[in-house]
Amino acid sequence: MTTALPAGHAGIAAPGLFLATRYFLVAGAADARRPLNAFDGALLAAGLADVNLVRLSSIVPPGCVRIPPVRHQPGCLVPVAYASLTHTAAGERIASAVAVARPTDPLRPAVVMEYSAVGASRAQTETVAAEMAADALAARDLTVDDIDVIGAEHTVAVAGATFAGVVEL
């Protein structure tokens, strides 16, 4: 099966290795003695600690539907577009968010944008991620139908981490 390419692109679209049909959003935050342990804790809070993350760029295939989060078999490969932040300044607030902007044209892909910031709230990072996702659709001359967004916020005690992701299945 081939897919029509946008104007300005020549050739035949390759089918790809994997085409997701479902996605879900997750977020978490944690604190630990060391940054990597804090990141692991944020993954645990998000429900993704015992899997191998395969980092995606920022596209959700056309027709992909949002589902509630599901558990994965430990050790499996999990495709995810994500934002994360680790920080070690005690008392600082950190936040991460992801947004999925779906276009009105069901034949075009949705766009994921990720955003993290020191000193920002969850709501602030969610707003920025959503604006970025809407801007990405506009850059493709597409109109936004809907935007899904999720974020996490944390005040650092020793080493803090936030994580927000879009898991594709």
N, C-alpha and C. Protein backbone atom coordinates (compact mmCIF):
# COMPACT_ATOMS: atom_id res chain seq x y z
N MET A 1 0.85 -1.19 0.00
CA MET A 1 0.00 0.00 0.00
C MET A 1 0.88 1.23 0.00
N THR A 2 0.57 2.20 -0.83
CA THR A 2 1.32 3.45 -0.86
C THR A 2 0.46 4.57 -0.29
N THR A 3 1.13 5.59 0.14
CA THR A 3 0.47 6.75 0.71
C THR A 3 0.82 7.96 -0.13
N ALA A 4 -0.18 8.80 -0.40
CA ALA A 4 0.08 10.01 -1.17
C ALA A 4 1.03 10.92 -0.39
N LEU A 5 2.00 11.49 -1.10
CA LEU A 5 2.96 12.38 -0.47
C LEU A 5 2.51 13.83 -0.62
N PRO A 6 2.86 14.67 0.33
CA PRO A 6 2.52 16.09 0.21
C PRO A 6 3.17 16.71 -1.02
N ALA A 7 2.60 17.80 -1.47
CA ALA A 7 3.15 18.51 -2.62
C ALA A 7 4.63 18.81 -2.38
N GLY A 8 5.42 18.69 -3.44
CA GLY A 8 6.84 18.96 -3.34
C GLY A 8 7.68 17.74 -3.04
N HIS A 9 7.05 16.60 -2.79
CA HIS A 9 7.78 15.36 -2.52
C HIS A 9 7.58 14.42 -3.70
N ALA A 10 8.66 13.79 -4.13
CA ALA A 10 8.59 12.86 -5.25
C ALA A 10 8.81 11.45 -4.76
N GLY A 11 8.35 10.47 -5.52
CA GLY A 11 8.60 9.07 -5.20
C GLY A 11 7.41 8.41 -4.55
N ILE A 12 7.64 7.18 -4.11
CA ILE A 12 6.60 6.37 -3.48
C ILE A 12 6.88 6.32 -1.98
N ALA A 13 5.84 6.45 -1.19
CA ALA A 13 5.99 6.39 0.26
C ALA A 13 6.25 4.95 0.68
N ALA A 14 7.31 4.72 1.45
CA ALA A 14 7.62 3.39 1.96
C ALA A 14 6.63 3.03 3.08
N PRO A 15 6.30 1.76 3.24
CA PRO A 15 5.33 1.36 4.25
C PRO A 15 5.82 1.53 5.68
N GLY A 16 7.13 1.57 5.89
CA GLY A 16 7.66 1.72 7.25
C GLY A 16 7.75 0.39 7.98
N LEU A 17 8.39 0.43 9.13
CA LEU A 17 8.59 -0.77 9.93
C LEU A 17 7.39 -1.07 10.82
N PHE A 18 6.76 -0.04 11.34
CA PHE A 18 5.67 -0.19 12.30
C PHE A 18 4.73 1.00 12.13
N LEU A 19 3.45 0.75 12.10
CA LEU A 19 2.47 1.84 11.99
C LEU A 19 1.48 1.70 13.14
N ALA A 20 1.56 2.62 14.07
CA ALA A 20 0.69 2.58 15.25
C ALA A 20 -0.77 2.79 14.85
N THR A 21 -1.66 2.18 15.62
CA THR A 21 -3.10 2.36 15.43
C THR A 21 -3.76 2.96 16.67
N ARG A 22 -3.00 2.97 17.79
CA ARG A 22 -3.52 3.49 19.06
C ARG A 22 -2.40 4.26 19.77
N TYR A 23 -2.80 5.16 20.64
CA TYR A 23 -1.82 5.86 21.48
C TYR A 23 -2.47 6.22 22.80
N PHE A 24 -1.61 6.46 23.80
CA PHE A 24 -2.10 6.97 25.08
C PHE A 24 -1.07 7.91 25.68
N LEU A 25 -1.53 8.71 26.63
CA LEU A 25 -0.69 9.72 27.28
C LEU A 25 -0.38 9.29 28.71
N VAL A 26 0.85 9.57 29.14
CA VAL A 26 1.27 9.27 30.52
C VAL A 26 2.13 10.41 31.03
N ALA A 27 2.18 10.54 32.36
CA ALA A 27 3.04 11.55 32.97
C ALA A 27 3.37 11.12 34.39
N GLY A 28 4.53 11.56 34.87
CA GLY A 28 4.92 11.26 36.23
C GLY A 28 6.06 12.16 36.68
N ALA A 29 6.29 12.16 37.98
CA ALA A 29 7.37 12.95 38.56
C ALA A 29 7.88 12.23 39.80
N ALA A 30 9.15 12.49 40.13
CA ALA A 30 9.73 11.85 41.30
C ALA A 30 10.97 12.61 41.77
N ASP A 31 11.42 12.25 42.96
CA ASP A 31 12.64 12.78 43.52
C ASP A 31 13.48 11.61 44.02
N ALA A 32 14.78 11.74 43.98
CA ALA A 32 15.68 10.68 44.43
C ALA A 32 17.03 11.30 44.81
N ARG A 33 17.96 10.45 45.19
CA ARG A 33 19.30 10.95 45.55
C ARG A 33 20.09 11.39 44.33
N ARG A 34 19.82 10.76 43.18
CA ARG A 34 20.58 11.05 41.96
C ARG A 34 19.60 11.28 40.80
N PRO A 35 20.00 12.10 39.80
CA PRO A 35 19.11 12.41 38.68
C PRO A 35 18.58 11.19 37.92
N LEU A 36 19.43 10.21 37.65
CA LEU A 36 18.94 9.05 36.89
C LEU A 36 17.92 8.25 37.69
N ASN A 37 18.12 8.17 39.02
CA ASN A 37 17.13 7.50 39.85
C ASN A 37 15.81 8.29 39.90
N ALA A 38 15.92 9.61 39.86
CA ALA A 38 14.71 10.44 39.81
C ALA A 38 13.97 10.21 38.49
N PHE A 39 14.71 10.14 37.38
CA PHE A 39 14.10 9.85 36.08
C PHE A 39 13.41 8.49 36.11
N ASP A 40 14.07 7.49 36.68
CA ASP A 40 13.46 6.16 36.80
C ASP A 40 12.19 6.23 37.64
N GLY A 41 12.22 7.02 38.71
CA GLY A 41 11.03 7.19 39.54
C GLY A 41 9.89 7.86 38.79
N ALA A 42 10.23 8.84 37.94
CA ALA A 42 9.19 9.50 37.13
C ALA A 42 8.58 8.50 36.14
N LEU A 43 9.42 7.64 35.58
CA LEU A 43 8.90 6.58 34.69
C LEU A 43 8.00 5.63 35.47
N LEU A 44 8.40 5.29 36.68
CA LEU A 44 7.58 4.43 37.53
C LEU A 44 6.22 5.07 37.79
N ALA A 45 6.23 6.35 38.11
CA ALA A 45 4.98 7.08 38.36
C ALA A 45 4.11 7.15 37.11
N ALA A 46 4.74 7.15 35.94
CA ALA A 46 4.01 7.21 34.67
C ALA A 46 3.59 5.82 34.18
N GLY A 47 4.05 4.76 34.85
CA GLY A 47 3.71 3.40 34.44
C GLY A 47 4.62 2.82 33.38
N LEU A 48 5.81 3.39 33.21
CA LEU A 48 6.73 2.93 32.16
C LEU A 48 8.11 2.52 32.68
N ALA A 49 8.23 2.17 33.95
CA ALA A 49 9.55 1.93 34.53
C ALA A 49 10.19 0.62 34.12
N ASP A 50 9.43 -0.40 33.82
CA ASP A 50 10.01 -1.71 33.57
C ASP A 50 10.02 -2.10 32.10
N VAL A 51 10.09 -1.09 31.23
CA VAL A 51 10.13 -1.34 29.78
C VAL A 51 11.31 -0.57 29.19
N ASN A 52 11.62 -0.87 27.95
CA ASN A 52 12.67 -0.17 27.22
C ASN A 52 12.02 0.86 26.30
N LEU A 53 12.29 2.11 26.56
CA LEU A 53 11.70 3.18 25.75
C LEU A 53 12.44 3.29 24.43
N VAL A 54 11.67 3.38 23.36
CA VAL A 54 12.21 3.67 22.03
C VAL A 54 11.70 5.06 21.68
N ARG A 55 12.61 6.03 21.68
CA ARG A 55 12.19 7.42 21.50
C ARG A 55 11.75 7.69 20.07
N LEU A 56 10.58 8.27 19.96
CA LEU A 56 10.01 8.64 18.67
C LEU A 56 10.18 10.13 18.44
N SER A 57 10.14 10.51 17.16
CA SER A 57 10.01 11.93 16.86
C SER A 57 8.53 12.26 17.04
N SER A 58 8.01 13.19 16.36
CA SER A 58 6.75 13.78 16.79
C SER A 58 5.55 13.59 15.87
N ILE A 59 5.32 12.37 15.41
CA ILE A 59 4.19 12.11 14.52
C ILE A 59 3.35 10.95 15.02
N VAL A 60 2.03 11.11 15.00
CA VAL A 60 1.08 10.04 15.28
C VAL A 60 0.37 9.76 13.95
N PRO A 61 0.36 8.50 13.50
CA PRO A 61 -0.21 8.19 12.18
C PRO A 61 -1.69 8.57 12.03
N PRO A 62 -2.11 8.80 10.79
CA PRO A 62 -3.53 9.06 10.55
C PRO A 62 -4.36 7.88 11.06
N GLY A 63 -5.51 8.17 11.62
CA GLY A 63 -6.42 7.12 12.08
C GLY A 63 -6.07 6.52 13.42
N CYS A 64 -4.97 6.92 14.01
CA CYS A 64 -4.56 6.40 15.32
C CYS A 64 -5.52 6.96 16.37
N VAL A 65 -6.05 6.10 17.23
CA VAL A 65 -7.04 6.54 18.22
C VAL A 65 -6.46 6.52 19.62
N ARG A 66 -6.90 7.45 20.44
CA ARG A 66 -6.45 7.51 21.83
C ARG A 66 -7.19 6.47 22.65
N ILE A 67 -6.43 5.77 23.51
CA ILE A 67 -6.99 4.78 24.41
C ILE A 67 -6.50 5.08 25.83
N PRO A 68 -7.12 4.47 26.83
CA PRO A 68 -6.58 4.62 28.19
C PRO A 68 -5.21 3.94 28.28
N PRO A 69 -4.35 4.37 29.20
CA PRO A 69 -3.04 3.72 29.34
C PRO A 69 -3.16 2.22 29.61
N VAL A 70 -2.23 1.47 29.04
CA VAL A 70 -2.19 0.02 29.24
C VAL A 70 -0.83 -0.37 29.80
N ARG A 71 -0.78 -1.51 30.48
CA ARG A 71 0.48 -2.03 31.01
C ARG A 71 1.18 -2.83 29.92
N HIS A 72 2.48 -2.82 29.98
CA HIS A 72 3.29 -3.56 29.02
C HIS A 72 4.02 -4.70 29.71
N GLN A 73 4.35 -5.71 28.94
CA GLN A 73 5.16 -6.81 29.45
C GLN A 73 6.53 -6.25 29.83
N PRO A 74 7.04 -6.59 31.02
CA PRO A 74 8.36 -6.08 31.42
C PRO A 74 9.44 -6.42 30.38
N GLY A 75 10.26 -5.42 30.09
CA GLY A 75 11.37 -5.60 29.17
C GLY A 75 11.05 -5.36 27.71
N CYS A 76 9.79 -5.15 27.38
CA CYS A 76 9.46 -4.97 25.96
C CYS A 76 9.87 -3.57 25.47
N LEU A 77 9.93 -3.43 24.15
CA LEU A 77 10.23 -2.14 23.54
C LEU A 77 8.95 -1.33 23.43
N VAL A 78 8.98 -0.09 23.90
CA VAL A 78 7.79 0.76 23.90
C VAL A 78 8.09 2.05 23.15
N PRO A 79 7.45 2.26 21.99
CA PRO A 79 7.65 3.50 21.25
C PRO A 79 6.97 4.68 21.96
N VAL A 80 7.73 5.74 22.20
CA VAL A 80 7.17 6.88 22.94
C VAL A 80 7.86 8.18 22.52
N ALA A 81 7.06 9.20 22.29
CA ALA A 81 7.57 10.56 22.12
C ALA A 81 7.43 11.20 23.50
N TYR A 82 8.50 11.80 24.02
CA TYR A 82 8.39 12.29 25.38
C TYR A 82 9.21 13.55 25.65
N ALA A 83 8.77 14.23 26.72
CA ALA A 83 9.49 15.35 27.30
C ALA A 83 9.91 14.92 28.69
N SER A 84 11.13 15.27 29.08
CA SER A 84 11.57 14.97 30.44
C SER A 84 12.56 16.04 30.89
N LEU A 85 12.69 16.15 32.20
CA LEU A 85 13.62 17.11 32.76
C LEU A 85 14.09 16.58 34.10
N THR A 86 15.40 16.60 34.32
CA THR A 86 15.95 16.31 35.65
C THR A 86 16.66 17.58 36.12
N HIS A 87 16.63 17.78 37.44
CA HIS A 87 17.18 19.01 38.00
C HIS A 87 17.61 18.74 39.44
N THR A 88 18.65 19.41 39.88
CA THR A 88 19.17 19.16 41.23
C THR A 88 19.18 20.40 42.13
N ALA A 89 18.51 21.46 41.74
CA ALA A 89 18.45 22.65 42.59
C ALA A 89 17.25 22.54 43.54
N ALA A 90 17.53 22.27 44.80
CA ALA A 90 16.46 22.10 45.80
C ALA A 90 15.54 23.32 45.82
N GLY A 91 14.25 23.05 45.87
CA GLY A 91 13.24 24.11 45.93
C GLY A 91 12.77 24.58 44.57
N GLU A 92 13.48 24.23 43.50
CA GLU A 92 13.05 24.65 42.15
C GLU A 92 11.87 23.79 41.68
N ARG A 93 10.97 24.43 40.99
CA ARG A 93 9.85 23.71 40.38
C ARG A 93 10.22 23.38 38.94
N ILE A 94 9.95 22.15 38.52
CA ILE A 94 10.20 21.72 37.15
C ILE A 94 8.92 21.11 36.60
N ALA A 95 8.79 21.13 35.28
CA ALA A 95 7.59 20.56 34.66
C ALA A 95 7.89 20.12 33.24
N SER A 96 7.16 19.12 32.79
CA SER A 96 7.24 18.61 31.42
C SER A 96 5.83 18.32 30.92
N ALA A 97 5.64 18.47 29.60
CA ALA A 97 4.33 18.19 29.01
C ALA A 97 4.49 17.76 27.56
N VAL A 98 3.49 17.02 27.09
CA VAL A 98 3.39 16.67 25.67
C VAL A 98 1.97 16.99 25.21
N ALA A 99 1.86 17.30 23.93
CA ALA A 99 0.55 17.57 23.34
C ALA A 99 0.47 16.89 21.98
N VAL A 100 -0.69 16.33 21.69
CA VAL A 100 -0.97 15.71 20.39
C VAL A 100 -2.05 16.54 19.71
N ALA A 101 -1.70 17.18 18.60
CA ALA A 101 -2.66 17.98 17.83
C ALA A 101 -3.12 17.15 16.63
N ARG A 102 -4.42 16.88 16.60
CA ARG A 102 -4.99 16.10 15.49
C ARG A 102 -5.64 17.05 14.49
N PRO A 103 -5.37 16.85 13.20
CA PRO A 103 -5.95 17.72 12.19
C PRO A 103 -7.38 17.33 11.85
N THR A 104 -8.10 18.25 11.24
CA THR A 104 -9.47 17.95 10.80
C THR A 104 -9.48 16.94 9.65
N ASP A 105 -8.42 16.90 8.87
CA ASP A 105 -8.30 15.93 7.78
C ASP A 105 -7.87 14.59 8.35
N PRO A 106 -8.76 13.58 8.36
CA PRO A 106 -8.42 12.29 8.98
C PRO A 106 -7.35 11.50 8.22
N LEU A 107 -6.99 11.95 7.03
CA LEU A 107 -5.96 11.26 6.25
C LEU A 107 -4.56 11.79 6.53
N ARG A 108 -4.47 12.83 7.35
CA ARG A 108 -3.17 13.43 7.68
C ARG A 108 -2.78 13.06 9.11
N PRO A 109 -1.48 12.98 9.39
CA PRO A 109 -1.04 12.59 10.73
C PRO A 109 -1.22 13.71 11.77
N ALA A 110 -1.30 13.27 13.01
CA ALA A 110 -1.29 14.20 14.14
C ALA A 110 0.17 14.53 14.46
N VAL A 111 0.38 15.64 15.14
CA VAL A 111 1.72 16.08 15.50
C VAL A 111 1.85 16.12 17.03
N VAL A 112 2.96 15.62 17.53
CA VAL A 112 3.27 15.65 18.96
C VAL A 112 4.33 16.71 19.20
N MET A 113 4.14 17.50 20.23
CA MET A 113 5.16 18.44 20.66
C MET A 113 5.43 18.22 22.13
N GLU A 114 6.71 18.36 22.50
CA GLU A 114 7.18 18.13 23.86
C GLU A 114 7.79 19.42 24.40
N TYR A 115 7.58 19.66 25.70
CA TYR A 115 8.14 20.86 26.29
C TYR A 115 8.43 20.63 27.77
N SER A 116 9.58 21.09 28.23
CA SER A 116 9.96 21.03 29.64
C SER A 116 10.57 22.37 30.03
N ALA A 117 10.42 22.74 31.32
CA ALA A 117 10.98 24.00 31.77
C ALA A 117 11.22 24.00 33.27
N VAL A 118 12.26 24.71 33.69
CA VAL A 118 12.52 24.97 35.10
C VAL A 118 11.75 26.22 35.47
N GLY A 119 11.08 26.21 36.62
CA GLY A 119 10.33 27.37 37.08
C GLY A 119 8.92 27.45 36.54
N ALA A 120 8.51 26.49 35.74
CA ALA A 120 7.17 26.51 35.15
C ALA A 120 6.26 25.52 35.87
N SER A 121 4.97 25.77 35.78
CA SER A 121 3.98 24.84 36.34
C SER A 121 3.57 23.83 35.27
N ARG A 122 2.86 22.80 35.72
CA ARG A 122 2.32 21.82 34.78
C ARG A 122 1.42 22.52 33.77
N ALA A 123 0.55 23.39 34.25
CA ALA A 123 -0.38 24.09 33.36
C ALA A 123 0.37 24.94 32.33
N GLN A 124 1.43 25.59 32.75
CA GLN A 124 2.21 26.42 31.82
C GLN A 124 2.87 25.57 30.73
N THR A 125 3.47 24.44 31.13
CA THR A 125 4.12 23.60 30.12
C THR A 125 3.09 22.95 29.20
N GLU A 126 1.92 22.60 29.74
CA GLU A 126 0.86 22.05 28.89
C GLU A 126 0.40 23.08 27.87
N THR A 127 0.27 24.33 28.28
CA THR A 127 -0.14 25.39 27.36
C THR A 127 0.88 25.57 26.24
N VAL A 128 2.17 25.61 26.60
CA VAL A 128 3.22 25.79 25.59
C VAL A 128 3.24 24.60 24.63
N ALA A 129 3.17 23.37 25.17
CA ALA A 129 3.18 22.18 24.31
C ALA A 129 2.00 22.20 23.35
N ALA A 130 0.82 22.57 23.84
CA ALA A 130 -0.38 22.63 22.98
C ALA A 130 -0.22 23.70 21.90
N GLU A 131 0.32 24.86 22.27
CA GLU A 131 0.55 25.92 21.27
C GLU A 131 1.55 25.46 20.21
N MET A 132 2.61 24.78 20.64
CA MET A 132 3.61 24.28 19.70
C MET A 132 3.00 23.26 18.75
N ALA A 133 2.15 22.37 19.27
CA ALA A 133 1.51 21.35 18.43
C ALA A 133 0.57 22.01 17.41
N ALA A 134 -0.18 23.01 17.85
CA ALA A 134 -1.06 23.73 16.93
C ALA A 134 -0.24 24.45 15.85
N ASP A 135 0.88 25.05 16.25
CA ASP A 135 1.75 25.72 15.29
C ASP A 135 2.32 24.73 14.27
N ALA A 136 2.65 23.52 14.73
CA ALA A 136 3.19 22.51 13.82
C ALA A 136 2.16 22.09 12.78
N LEU A 137 0.90 21.99 13.17
CA LEU A 137 -0.15 21.68 12.19
C LEU A 137 -0.32 22.84 11.22
N ALA A 138 -0.30 24.06 11.74
CA ALA A 138 -0.44 25.24 10.88
C ALA A 138 0.69 25.31 9.86
N ALA A 139 1.90 24.90 10.26
CA ALA A 139 3.04 24.90 9.34
C ALA A 139 2.83 23.91 8.20
N ARG A 140 1.96 22.94 8.42
CA ARG A 140 1.62 21.95 7.40
C ARG A 140 0.34 22.31 6.66
N ASP A 141 -0.14 23.55 6.88
CA ASP A 141 -1.39 24.03 6.29
C ASP A 141 -2.58 23.16 6.69
N LEU A 142 -2.58 22.71 7.95
CA LEU A 142 -3.67 21.90 8.47
C LEU A 142 -4.38 22.64 9.59
N THR A 143 -5.66 22.34 9.75
CA THR A 143 -6.49 22.93 10.79
C THR A 143 -6.59 21.97 11.96
N VAL A 144 -6.50 22.49 13.17
CA VAL A 144 -6.60 21.67 14.37
C VAL A 144 -8.04 21.23 14.60
N ASP A 145 -8.21 19.92 14.81
CA ASP A 145 -9.51 19.38 15.21
C ASP A 145 -9.58 19.29 16.73
N ASP A 146 -8.52 18.74 17.33
CA ASP A 146 -8.49 18.55 18.78
C ASP A 146 -7.05 18.43 19.24
N ILE A 147 -6.81 18.77 20.50
CA ILE A 147 -5.48 18.64 21.09
C ILE A 147 -5.60 17.91 22.42
N ASP A 148 -4.84 16.81 22.55
CA ASP A 148 -4.72 16.10 23.82
C ASP A 148 -3.43 16.55 24.47
N VAL A 149 -3.45 16.76 25.78
CA VAL A 149 -2.25 17.25 26.47
C VAL A 149 -2.17 16.62 27.86
N ILE A 150 -0.93 16.39 28.29
CA ILE A 150 -0.70 15.89 29.66
C ILE A 150 0.65 16.42 30.12
N GLY A 151 0.75 16.64 31.43
CA GLY A 151 2.00 17.13 31.96
C GLY A 151 2.22 16.67 33.39
N ALA A 152 3.40 16.95 33.89
CA ALA A 152 3.77 16.64 35.27
C ALA A 152 4.60 17.78 35.81
N GLU A 153 4.47 18.01 37.10
CA GLU A 153 5.19 19.10 37.78
C GLU A 153 5.78 18.54 39.06
N HIS A 154 6.93 19.10 39.47
CA HIS A 154 7.58 18.60 40.69
C HIS A 154 8.44 19.72 41.30
N THR A 155 8.43 19.79 42.62
CA THR A 155 9.35 20.67 43.33
C THR A 155 10.51 19.82 43.83
N VAL A 156 11.70 20.17 43.40
CA VAL A 156 12.90 19.36 43.66
C VAL A 156 13.27 19.41 45.15
N ALA A 157 13.54 18.22 45.70
CA ALA A 157 14.09 18.13 47.06
C ALA A 157 15.60 17.89 46.97
N VAL A 158 16.00 16.84 46.27
CA VAL A 158 17.42 16.53 46.09
C VAL A 158 17.75 16.48 44.60
N ALA A 159 17.16 15.51 43.90
CA ALA A 159 17.26 15.40 42.45
C ALA A 159 15.86 15.06 41.95
N GLY A 160 15.29 15.94 41.19
CA GLY A 160 13.92 15.74 40.73
C GLY A 160 13.86 15.46 39.25
N ALA A 161 12.76 14.84 38.83
CA ALA A 161 12.53 14.56 37.41
C ALA A 161 11.05 14.62 37.09
N THR A 162 10.78 15.10 35.89
CA THR A 162 9.42 15.04 35.37
C THR A 162 9.47 14.34 34.02
N PHE A 163 8.35 13.73 33.65
CA PHE A 163 8.25 12.95 32.41
C PHE A 163 6.81 13.05 31.92
N ALA A 164 6.65 13.26 30.61
CA ALA A 164 5.33 13.20 29.98
C ALA A 164 5.55 12.56 28.62
N GLY A 165 4.68 11.62 28.25
CA GLY A 165 4.90 10.91 27.01
C GLY A 165 3.63 10.51 26.27
N VAL A 166 3.83 10.28 24.98
CA VAL A 166 2.79 9.75 24.11
C VAL A 166 3.28 8.38 23.66
N VAL A 167 2.63 7.34 24.13
CA VAL A 167 3.00 5.96 23.80
C VAL A 167 2.17 5.52 22.61
N GLU A 168 2.85 5.00 21.59
CA GLU A 168 2.15 4.52 20.40
C GLU A 168 2.17 3.00 20.37
N LEU A 169 1.03 2.41 20.05
CA LEU A 169 0.88 0.96 19.95
C LEU A 169 0.44 0.57 18.56
